[in-house]
């Protein structure tokens, strides 16, 4: 290779590193999807280290230099996700299962902090999950506790409020406790990720739904695969909104166990903040 080609190759490597370092921040989720090998996906790929939670060694936290697609970095949980935004609401909600796994009694398996930040007619809807040391299926004959696992977290209310963008914040105060965001998609359809699966499923498997954003992570108080992470990162959705006070929408937040380790498929639905006049249609 001659000197000119060597210099061009080195420059290309440098540009690639710079692009990776600049991949931080909110990622737009276009209503037409994103181009991927074989077609189009509703999902943007974020931090795929840890093989979507299947690697017992866990994931690699984002930094300003690597593994940082979709990531934002703020000083603490009280710092706005973006400059100029003001927090308008913050509520801690119980994640309550009512599906009969405990002889038709309800069981609280964790909590989610639900927030709204606003700047003019732009809002950021934020959520952070924590799962507890709770057996959600006390009728099971399996030994030990059956811990609820959240592979996908969904938020509703974004149809006709685009462009919609997503991001996450890995809390520095708990570097060993948070899990990263693997992907975020403008879809109502969650797809289980097994080792070797593509990071961005095609729209024939997860059709685009402009009303929902799906965040894929792997949160479990005690994960069967050994990568135990009880706290999620902060998950953010930015969209158009009005100056109206934040309002709750029944069923706006969904938590899905997708059977990554052969658990039963479960969805838990609770109220959450959403744009004014939003709905939960798929």
C-alpha atoms as a PDB file:
ATOM      1  CA  UNK A   1       0.000   0.000   0.000  1.00  0.00           C
ATOM      2  CA  UNK A   2       1.484   3.387  -0.951  1.00  0.00           C
ATOM      3  CA  UNK A   3       1.754   6.356   1.420  1.00  0.00           C
ATOM      4  CA  UNK A   4      -1.341   8.071   0.018  1.00  0.00           C
ATOM      5  CA  UNK A   5      -3.513   4.974   0.514  1.00  0.00           C
ATOM      6  CA  UNK A   6      -2.148   4.537   4.022  1.00  0.00           C
ATOM      7  CA  UNK A   7      -3.036   8.136   4.888  1.00  0.00           C
ATOM      8  CA  UNK A   8      -6.527   7.664   3.427  1.00  0.00           C
ATOM      9  CA  UNK A   9      -7.042   4.483   5.437  1.00  0.00           C
ATOM     10  CA  UNK A  10      -5.916   6.148   8.650  1.00  0.00           C
ATOM     11  CA  UNK A  11      -8.223   9.082   7.966  1.00  0.00           C
ATOM     12  CA  UNK A  12     -11.129   6.725   7.376  1.00  0.00           C
ATOM     13  CA  UNK A  13     -10.487   5.008  10.700  1.00  0.00           C
ATOM     14  CA  UNK A  14     -10.347   8.372  12.417  1.00  0.00           C
ATOM     15  CA  UNK A  15     -13.635   9.440  10.862  1.00  0.00           C
ATOM     16  CA  UNK A  16     -15.233   6.187  11.956  1.00  0.00           C
ATOM     17  CA  UNK A  17     -14.082   6.709  15.529  1.00  0.00           C
ATOM     18  CA  UNK A  18     -15.317  10.282  15.471  1.00  0.00           C
ATOM     19  CA  UNK A  19     -18.701   9.169  14.141  1.00  0.00           C
ATOM     20  CA  UNK A  20     -18.996   6.650  16.964  1.00  0.00           C
ATOM     21  CA  UNK A  21     -18.122   9.277  19.525  1.00  0.00           C
ATOM     22  CA  UNK A  22     -20.716  11.629  18.056  1.00  0.00           C
ATOM     23  CA  UNK A  23     -23.510   9.028  18.016  1.00  0.00           C
ATOM     24  CA  UNK A  24     -24.847  10.239  21.358  1.00  0.00           C
ATOM     25  CA  UNK A  25     -28.218  11.886  21.865  1.00  0.00           C
ATOM     26  CA  UNK A  26     -31.806  11.461  20.756  1.00  0.00           C
ATOM     27  CA  UNK A  27     -32.314   9.259  17.714  1.00  0.00           C
ATOM     28  CA  UNK A  28     -35.246  10.038  15.418  1.00  0.00           C
ATOM     29  CA  UNK A  29     -37.679   7.180  14.810  1.00  0.00           C
ATOM     30  CA  UNK A  30     -39.075   7.949  11.343  1.00  0.00           C
ATOM     31  CA  UNK A  31     -42.639   6.929  10.506  1.00  0.00           C
ATOM     32  CA  UNK A  32     -41.251   5.297   7.354  1.00  0.00           C
ATOM     33  CA  UNK A  33     -38.807   3.139   9.319  1.00  0.00           C
ATOM     34  CA  UNK A  34     -35.060   2.734   9.037  1.00  0.00           C
ATOM     35  CA  UNK A  35     -33.204   0.984   6.231  1.00  0.00           C
ATOM     36  CA  UNK A  36     -31.591  -2.286   7.339  1.00  0.00           C
ATOM     37  CA  UNK A  37     -30.231  -5.320   5.489  1.00  0.00           C
ATOM     38  CA  UNK A  38     -33.197  -7.039   3.875  1.00  0.00           C
ATOM     39  CA  UNK A  39     -35.655  -4.167   4.140  1.00  0.00           C
ATOM     40  CA  UNK A  40     -36.934  -1.727   6.745  1.00  0.00           C
ATOM     41  CA  UNK A  41     -37.123  -1.799  10.538  1.00  0.00           C
ATOM     42  CA  UNK A  42     -39.187   0.203  13.010  1.00  0.00           C
ATOM     43  CA  UNK A  43     -36.230   0.006  15.395  1.00  0.00           C
ATOM     44  CA  UNK A  44     -33.102   2.057  15.843  1.00  0.00           C
ATOM     45  CA  UNK A  45     -30.174   0.065  17.226  1.00  0.00           C
ATOM     46  CA  UNK A  46     -28.652   1.498  20.410  1.00  0.00           C
ATOM     47  CA  UNK A  47     -26.271  -0.376  22.764  1.00  0.00           C
ATOM     48  CA  UNK A  48     -26.128  -4.038  21.717  1.00  0.00           C
ATOM     49  CA  UNK A  49     -23.250  -5.079  23.982  1.00  0.00           C
ATOM     50  CA  UNK A  50     -24.271  -7.997  26.170  1.00  0.00           C
ATOM     51  CA  UNK A  51     -26.311  -9.619  23.365  1.00  0.00           C
ATOM     52  CA  UNK A  52     -29.625  -8.141  24.552  1.00  0.00           C
ATOM     53  CA  UNK A  53     -29.100  -9.518  28.048  1.00  0.00           C
ATOM     54  CA  UNK A  54     -28.207 -13.055  27.004  1.00  0.00           C
ATOM     55  CA  UNK A  55     -24.539 -12.637  27.929  1.00  0.00           C
ATOM     56  CA  UNK A  56     -24.054 -13.496  31.636  1.00  0.00           C
ATOM     57  CA  UNK A  57     -21.273 -10.915  31.807  1.00  0.00           C
ATOM     58  CA  UNK A  58     -23.805  -8.181  31.166  1.00  0.00           C
ATOM     59  CA  UNK A  59     -23.573  -5.118  28.953  1.00  0.00           C
ATOM     60  CA  UNK A  60     -20.974  -2.387  28.589  1.00  0.00           C
ATOM     61  CA  UNK A  61     -22.156   1.020  29.827  1.00  0.00           C
ATOM     62  CA  UNK A  62     -22.091   3.904  27.349  1.00  0.00           C
ATOM     63  CA  UNK A  63     -19.338   6.489  27.496  1.00  0.00           C
ATOM     64  CA  UNK A  64     -18.734   9.665  25.539  1.00  0.00           C
ATOM     65  CA  UNK A  65     -16.296   7.687  23.385  1.00  0.00           C
ATOM     66  CA  UNK A  66     -17.932   4.290  22.800  1.00  0.00           C
ATOM     67  CA  UNK A  67     -21.169   2.289  22.922  1.00  0.00           C
ATOM     68  CA  UNK A  68     -23.102   5.523  23.039  1.00  0.00           C
ATOM     69  CA  UNK A  69     -25.722   5.473  20.270  1.00  0.00           C
ATOM     70  CA  UNK A  70     -29.013   6.809  21.697  1.00  0.00           C
ATOM     71  CA  UNK A  71     -27.270   7.710  24.979  1.00  0.00           C
ATOM     72  CA  UNK A  72     -27.393  11.065  26.690  1.00  0.00           C
ATOM     73  CA  UNK A  73     -25.164  12.098  29.574  1.00  0.00           C
ATOM     74  CA  UNK A  74     -26.441  14.296  32.390  1.00  0.00           C
ATOM     75  CA  UNK A  75     -25.023  15.166  35.786  1.00  0.00           C
ATOM     76  CA  UNK A  76     -27.868  13.570  37.773  1.00  0.00           C
ATOM     77  CA  UNK A  77     -31.532  12.633  37.568  1.00  0.00           C
ATOM     78  CA  UNK A  78     -32.596  16.230  38.194  1.00  0.00           C
ATOM     79  CA  UNK A  79     -30.715  17.566  35.170  1.00  0.00           C
ATOM     80  CA  UNK A  80     -32.935  18.080  32.096  1.00  0.00           C
ATOM     81  CA  UNK A  81     -32.537  15.471  29.345  1.00  0.00           C
ATOM     82  CA  UNK A  82     -31.951  18.411  27.000  1.00  0.00           C
ATOM     83  CA  UNK A  83     -31.049  22.015  27.779  1.00  0.00           C
ATOM     84  CA  UNK A  84     -34.066  24.289  28.101  1.00  0.00           C
ATOM     85  CA  UNK A  85     -36.534  21.637  29.266  1.00  0.00           C
ATOM     86  CA  UNK A  86     -38.319  21.987  32.615  1.00  0.00           C
ATOM     87  CA  UNK A  87     -39.770  19.093  34.592  1.00  0.00           C
ATOM     88  CA  UNK A  88     -43.547  19.453  34.768  1.00  0.00           C
ATOM     89  CA  UNK A  89     -44.524  16.189  36.452  1.00  0.00           C
ATOM     90  CA  UNK A  90     -42.932  13.283  38.293  1.00  0.00           C
ATOM     91  CA  UNK A  91     -44.820  10.310  39.785  1.00  0.00           C
ATOM     92  CA  UNK A  92     -43.661   6.940  41.071  1.00  0.00           C
ATOM     93  CA  UNK A  93     -46.128   4.250  39.973  1.00  0.00           C
ATOM     94  CA  UNK A  94     -46.453   0.669  41.139  1.00  0.00           C
ATOM     95  CA  UNK A  95     -46.100  -2.080  38.526  1.00  0.00           C
ATOM     96  CA  UNK A  96     -49.010  -4.297  39.542  1.00  0.00           C
ATOM     97  CA  UNK A  97     -49.713  -7.715  38.049  1.00  0.00           C
ATOM     98  CA  UNK A  98     -53.383  -8.694  38.005  1.00  0.00           C
ATOM     99  CA  UNK A  99     -53.209 -11.768  35.813  1.00  0.00           C
ATOM    100  CA  UNK A 100     -54.001 -14.529  38.280  1.00  0.00           C
ATOM    101  CA  UNK A 101     -50.479 -15.784  38.915  1.00  0.00           C
ATOM    102  CA  UNK A 102     -51.067 -15.420  42.659  1.00  0.00           C
ATOM    103  CA  UNK A 103     -54.532 -17.004  42.923  1.00  0.00           C
ATOM    104  CA  UNK A 104     -56.219 -13.972  41.385  1.00  0.00           C
ATOM    105  CA  UNK A 105     -54.678 -11.535  43.826  1.00  0.00           C
ATOM    106  CA  UNK A 106     -52.627  -8.541  42.727  1.00  0.00           C
ATOM    107  CA  UNK A 107     -48.910  -8.403  43.305  1.00  0.00           C
ATOM    108  CA  UNK A 108     -46.612  -5.391  42.975  1.00  0.00           C
ATOM    109  CA  UNK A 109     -43.419  -6.485  41.237  1.00  0.00           C
ATOM    110  CA  UNK A 110     -41.690  -3.103  41.068  1.00  0.00           C
ATOM    111  CA  UNK A 111     -42.029   0.606  40.426  1.00  0.00           C
ATOM    112  CA  UNK A 112     -41.535   3.046  37.581  1.00  0.00           C
ATOM    113  CA  UNK A 113     -40.723   6.733  37.860  1.00  0.00           C
ATOM    114  CA  UNK A 114     -42.855   8.514  35.245  1.00  0.00           C
ATOM    115  CA  UNK A 115     -41.888  12.093  34.289  1.00  0.00           C
ATOM    116  CA  UNK A 116     -42.676  14.826  31.801  1.00  0.00           C
ATOM    117  CA  UNK A 117     -40.234  17.564  30.789  1.00  0.00           C
ATOM    118  CA  UNK A 118     -41.330  20.419  28.513  1.00  0.00           C
ATOM    119  CA  UNK A 119     -39.848  23.217  26.433  1.00  0.00           C
ATOM    120  CA  UNK A 120     -42.497  25.213  24.588  1.00  0.00           C
ATOM    121  CA  UNK A 121     -44.513  22.722  22.538  1.00  0.00           C
ATOM    122  CA  UNK A 122     -41.938  19.940  22.803  1.00  0.00           C
ATOM    123  CA  UNK A 123     -42.155  17.352  25.585  1.00  0.00           C
ATOM    124  CA  UNK A 124     -39.881  14.588  26.796  1.00  0.00           C
ATOM    125  CA  UNK A 125     -41.575  11.640  28.499  1.00  0.00           C
ATOM    126  CA  UNK A 126     -39.201   9.835  30.856  1.00  0.00           C
ATOM    127  CA  UNK A 127     -39.366   6.530  32.708  1.00  0.00           C
ATOM    128  CA  UNK A 128     -37.069   4.499  34.964  1.00  0.00           C
ATOM    129  CA  UNK A 129     -37.965   0.998  36.179  1.00  0.00           C
ATOM    130  CA  UNK A 130     -36.938  -0.852  39.336  1.00  0.00           C
ATOM    131  CA  UNK A 131     -37.987  -4.470  39.952  1.00  0.00           C
ATOM    132  CA  UNK A 132     -38.297  -5.903  43.447  1.00  0.00           C
ATOM    133  CA  UNK A 133     -37.461  -9.165  45.188  1.00  0.00           C
ATOM    134  CA  UNK A 134     -40.973 -10.527  44.600  1.00  0.00           C
ATOM    135  CA  UNK A 135     -42.328 -13.898  43.469  1.00  0.00           C
ATOM    136  CA  UNK A 136     -44.990 -13.101  40.884  1.00  0.00           C
ATOM    137  CA  UNK A 137     -46.138 -16.743  40.523  1.00  0.00           C
ATOM    138  CA  UNK A 138     -46.592 -18.274  43.963  1.00  0.00           C
ATOM    139  CA  UNK A 139     -48.639 -21.134  42.477  1.00  0.00           C
ATOM    140  CA  UNK A 140     -45.722 -22.418  40.416  1.00  0.00           C
ATOM    141  CA  UNK A 141     -44.259 -25.809  41.286  1.00  0.00           C
ATOM    142  CA  UNK A 142     -40.836 -24.633  40.117  1.00  0.00           C
ATOM    143  CA  UNK A 143     -38.294 -24.220  42.929  1.00  0.00           C
ATOM    144  CA  UNK A 144     -37.437 -20.736  44.121  1.00  0.00           C
ATOM    145  CA  UNK A 145     -39.062 -17.459  43.222  1.00  0.00           C
ATOM    146  CA  UNK A 146     -40.455 -16.622  39.788  1.00  0.00           C
ATOM    147  CA  UNK A 147     -39.118 -13.145  39.057  1.00  0.00           C
ATOM    148  CA  UNK A 148     -40.839 -10.903  36.522  1.00  0.00           C
ATOM    149  CA  UNK A 149     -38.516  -9.926  33.677  1.00  0.00           C
ATOM    150  CA  UNK A 150     -39.027  -6.842  31.522  1.00  0.00           C
ATOM    151  CA  UNK A 151     -37.613  -7.269  28.042  1.00  0.00           C
ATOM    152  CA  UNK A 152     -39.700  -4.500  26.492  1.00  0.00           C
ATOM    153  CA  UNK A 153     -41.143  -1.277  27.902  1.00  0.00           C
ATOM    154  CA  UNK A 154     -43.706   0.580  25.790  1.00  0.00           C
ATOM    155  CA  UNK A 155     -45.203   4.057  25.959  1.00  0.00           C
ATOM    156  CA  UNK A 156     -48.286   5.251  24.054  1.00  0.00           C
ATOM    157  CA  UNK A 157     -49.656   8.484  22.645  1.00  0.00           C
ATOM    158  CA  UNK A 158     -47.436   9.705  19.809  1.00  0.00           C
ATOM    159  CA  UNK A 159     -49.529   9.417  16.648  1.00  0.00           C
ATOM    160  CA  UNK A 160     -49.546  12.739  14.741  1.00  0.00           C
ATOM    161  CA  UNK A 161     -47.024  14.144  17.220  1.00  0.00           C
ATOM    162  CA  UNK A 162     -43.871  13.512  15.227  1.00  0.00           C
ATOM    163  CA  UNK A 163     -41.079  13.628  14.674  1.00  0.00           C
ATOM    164  CA  UNK A 164     -40.640  11.182  17.532  1.00  0.00           C
ATOM    165  CA  UNK A 165     -37.170  10.613  18.976  1.00  0.00           C
ATOM    166  CA  UNK A 166     -35.818   8.288  21.666  1.00  0.00           C
ATOM    167  CA  UNK A 167     -32.815   8.228  24.000  1.00  0.00           C
ATOM    168  CA  UNK A 168     -31.632   6.754  27.284  1.00  0.00           C
ATOM    169  CA  UNK A 169     -29.548   7.789  30.286  1.00  0.00           C
ATOM    170  CA  UNK A 170     -27.414   5.258  32.129  1.00  0.00           C
ATOM    171  CA  UNK A 171     -27.314   6.508  35.717  1.00  0.00           C
ATOM    172  CA  UNK A 172     -23.751   7.158  36.838  1.00  0.00           C
ATOM    173  CA  UNK A 173     -24.767   6.838  40.476  1.00  0.00           C
ATOM    174  CA  UNK A 174     -25.531   3.138  39.971  1.00  0.00           C
ATOM    175  CA  UNK A 175     -23.113   1.880  37.298  1.00  0.00           C
ATOM    176  CA  UNK A 176     -23.552  -1.726  38.402  1.00  0.00           C
ATOM    177  CA  UNK A 177     -27.351  -1.581  38.702  1.00  0.00           C
ATOM    178  CA  UNK A 178     -28.719  -0.158  35.430  1.00  0.00           C
ATOM    179  CA  UNK A 179     -29.182  -2.044  32.205  1.00  0.00           C
ATOM    180  CA  UNK A 180     -28.600  -0.333  28.884  1.00  0.00           C
ATOM    181  CA  UNK A 181     -31.069   0.301  26.067  1.00  0.00           C
ATOM    182  CA  UNK A 182     -30.538  -2.185  23.256  1.00  0.00           C
ATOM    183  CA  UNK A 183     -32.948  -0.666  20.755  1.00  0.00           C
ATOM    184  CA  UNK A 184     -35.927   1.684  20.455  1.00  0.00           C
ATOM    185  CA  UNK A 185     -38.685   1.407  17.895  1.00  0.00           C
ATOM    186  CA  UNK A 186     -41.817   3.108  16.655  1.00  0.00           C
ATOM    187  CA  UNK A 187     -43.890  -0.038  17.033  1.00  0.00           C
ATOM    188  CA  UNK A 188     -46.427  -1.778  19.260  1.00  0.00           C
ATOM    189  CA  UNK A 189     -44.971  -5.207  18.480  1.00  0.00           C
ATOM    190  CA  UNK A 190     -42.195  -6.532  20.701  1.00  0.00           C
ATOM    191  CA  UNK A 191     -39.933  -9.246  19.298  1.00  0.00           C
ATOM    192  CA  UNK A 192     -37.990 -11.607  21.542  1.00  0.00           C
ATOM    193  CA  UNK A 193     -34.263 -11.491  20.831  1.00  0.00           C
ATOM    194  CA  UNK A 194     -32.367 -14.756  20.904  1.00  0.00           C
ATOM    195  CA  UNK A 195     -28.572 -15.017  20.423  1.00  0.00           C
ATOM    196  CA  UNK A 196     -27.787 -14.561  16.751  1.00  0.00           C
ATOM    197  CA  UNK A 197     -30.973 -12.655  15.904  1.00  0.00           C
ATOM    198  CA  UNK A 198     -30.612  -9.313  14.088  1.00  0.00           C
ATOM    199  CA  UNK A 199     -30.666  -6.238  16.309  1.00  0.00           C
ATOM    200  CA  UNK A 200     -33.326  -4.579  14.148  1.00  0.00           C
ATOM    201  CA  UNK A 201     -36.203  -6.900  13.179  1.00  0.00           C
ATOM    202  CA  UNK A 202     -37.909  -6.192   9.868  1.00  0.00           C
ATOM    203  CA  UNK A 203     -41.294  -4.504   9.762  1.00  0.00           C
ATOM    204  CA  UNK A 204     -42.933  -7.770   8.696  1.00  0.00           C
ATOM    205  CA  UNK A 205     -42.170  -8.986  12.225  1.00  0.00           C
ATOM    206  CA  UNK A 206     -42.633  -5.652  14.053  1.00  0.00           C
ATOM    207  CA  UNK A 207     -44.830  -3.314  11.964  1.00  0.00           C
ATOM    208  CA  UNK A 208     -44.471   0.426  12.399  1.00  0.00           C
ATOM    209  CA  UNK A 209     -47.018   1.966  14.764  1.00  0.00           C
ATOM    210  CA  UNK A 210     -46.738   5.768  15.023  1.00  0.00           C
ATOM    211  CA  UNK A 211     -48.604   5.734  18.342  1.00  0.00           C
ATOM    212  CA  UNK A 212     -46.148   3.614  20.362  1.00  0.00           C
ATOM    213  CA  UNK A 213     -42.463   3.566  21.252  1.00  0.00           C
ATOM    214  CA  UNK A 214     -40.950   0.252  22.349  1.00  0.00           C
ATOM    215  CA  UNK A 215     -37.725   0.155  24.373  1.00  0.00           C
ATOM    216  CA  UNK A 216     -35.899  -3.207  24.483  1.00  0.00           C
ATOM    217  CA  UNK A 217     -33.817  -3.911  27.590  1.00  0.00           C
ATOM    218  CA  UNK A 218     -33.412  -6.788  30.074  1.00  0.00           C
ATOM    219  CA  UNK A 219     -34.493  -5.971  33.628  1.00  0.00           C
ATOM    220  CA  UNK A 220     -34.945  -8.654  36.288  1.00  0.00           C
ATOM    221  CA  UNK A 221     -34.248  -8.770  40.019  1.00  0.00           C
ATOM    222  CA  UNK A 222     -32.620 -12.183  39.495  1.00  0.00           C
ATOM    223  CA  UNK A 223     -32.200 -13.173  35.867  1.00  0.00           C
ATOM    224  CA  UNK A 224     -32.079 -16.905  34.986  1.00  0.00           C
ATOM    225  CA  UNK A 225     -29.235 -16.238  32.531  1.00  0.00           C
ATOM    226  CA  UNK A 226     -27.036 -14.730  35.225  1.00  0.00           C
ATOM    227  CA  UNK A 227     -27.071 -11.109  34.042  1.00  0.00           C
ATOM    228  CA  UNK A 228     -29.090  -9.792  36.979  1.00  0.00           C
ATOM    229  CA  UNK A 229     -30.047  -6.142  36.521  1.00  0.00           C
ATOM    230  CA  UNK A 230     -32.986  -4.855  38.576  1.00  0.00           C
ATOM    231  CA  UNK A 231     -32.929  -1.227  37.337  1.00  0.00           C
ATOM    232  CA  UNK A 232     -33.453   0.082  33.849  1.00  0.00           C
ATOM    233  CA  UNK A 233     -31.779   3.137  32.468  1.00  0.00           C
ATOM    234  CA  UNK A 234     -33.918   6.242  32.037  1.00  0.00           C
ATOM    235  CA  UNK A 235     -35.931   5.862  28.812  1.00  0.00           C
ATOM    236  CA  UNK A 236     -36.907   9.060  26.979  1.00  0.00           C
ATOM    237  CA  UNK A 237     -39.386   9.868  24.201  1.00  0.00           C
ATOM    238  CA  UNK A 238     -39.400  13.359  22.694  1.00  0.00           C
ATOM    239  CA  UNK A 239     -42.449  14.501  20.739  1.00  0.00           C
ATOM    240  CA  UNK A 240     -44.665  17.473  20.020  1.00  0.00           C
ATOM    241  CA  UNK A 241     -47.100  18.421  22.784  1.00  0.00           C
ATOM    242  CA  UNK A 242     -49.177  21.357  23.992  1.00  0.00           C
ATOM    243  CA  UNK A 243     -48.858  23.694  26.959  1.00  0.00           C
ATOM    244  CA  UNK A 244     -51.576  21.732  28.790  1.00  0.00           C
ATOM    245  CA  UNK A 245     -50.701  20.225  32.161  1.00  0.00           C
ATOM    246  CA  UNK A 246     -49.451  16.612  31.926  1.00  0.00           C
ATOM    247  CA  UNK A 247     -52.339  14.139  32.058  1.00  0.00           C
ATOM    248  CA  UNK A 248     -52.500  10.423  32.746  1.00  0.00           C
ATOM    249  CA  UNK A 249     -53.696   7.956  30.128  1.00  0.00           C
ATOM    250  CA  UNK A 250     -54.962   4.532  31.192  1.00  0.00           C
ATOM    251  CA  UNK A 251     -52.794   1.766  29.774  1.00  0.00           C
ATOM    252  CA  UNK A 252     -50.160   4.155  28.424  1.00  0.00           C
ATOM    253  CA  UNK A 253     -47.289   2.170  29.962  1.00  0.00           C
ATOM    254  CA  UNK A 254     -46.760  -1.507  29.116  1.00  0.00           C
ATOM    255  CA  UNK A 255     -44.177  -3.912  30.541  1.00  0.00           C
ATOM    256  CA  UNK A 256     -43.584  -7.162  28.649  1.00  0.00           C
ATOM    257  CA  UNK A 257     -41.867 -10.399  29.600  1.00  0.00           C
ATOM    258  CA  UNK A 258     -41.001 -11.933  26.229  1.00  0.00           C
ATOM    259  CA  UNK A 259     -39.730 -15.375  27.250  1.00  0.00           C
ATOM    260  CA  UNK A 260     -36.059 -14.846  26.506  1.00  0.00           C
ATOM    261  CA  UNK A 261     -35.307 -17.651  28.962  1.00  0.00           C
ATOM    262  CA  UNK A 262     -38.529 -19.585  28.181  1.00  0.00           C
ATOM    263  CA  UNK A 263     -40.643 -17.732  30.736  1.00  0.00           C
ATOM    264  CA  UNK A 264     -44.362 -17.272  30.024  1.00  0.00           C
ATOM    265  CA  UNK A 265     -45.327 -14.280  27.900  1.00  0.00           C
ATOM    266  CA  UNK A 266     -46.771 -11.609  30.192  1.00  0.00           C
ATOM    267  CA  UNK A 267     -47.832  -7.995  29.718  1.00  0.00           C
ATOM    268  CA  UNK A 268     -48.542  -5.601  32.584  1.00  0.00           C
ATOM    269  CA  UNK A 269     -50.411  -2.393  31.763  1.00  0.00           C
ATOM    270  CA  UNK A 270     -50.631   0.694  33.996  1.00  0.00           C
ATOM    271  CA  UNK A 271     -51.504   4.404  33.572  1.00  0.00           C
ATOM    272  CA  UNK A 272     -48.838   6.835  32.431  1.00  0.00           C
ATOM    273  CA  UNK A 273     -48.304  10.369  31.211  1.00  0.00           C
ATOM    274  CA  UNK A 274     -49.025  10.981  27.523  1.00  0.00           C
ATOM    275  CA  UNK A 275     -49.654  13.944  25.200  1.00  0.00           C
ATOM    276  CA  UNK A 276     -53.040  15.654  25.503  1.00  0.00           C
ATOM    277  CA  UNK A 277     -55.902  13.789  23.775  1.00  0.00           C
ATOM    278  CA  UNK A 278     -53.710  10.754  23.137  1.00  0.00           C
ATOM    279  CA  UNK A 279     -55.000   7.192  23.004  1.00  0.00           C
ATOM    280  CA  UNK A 280     -53.607   3.678  23.237  1.00  0.00           C
ATOM    281  CA  UNK A 281     -54.671   2.379  19.842  1.00  0.00           C
ATOM    282  CA  UNK A 282     -52.037   0.119  18.264  1.00  0.00           C
END
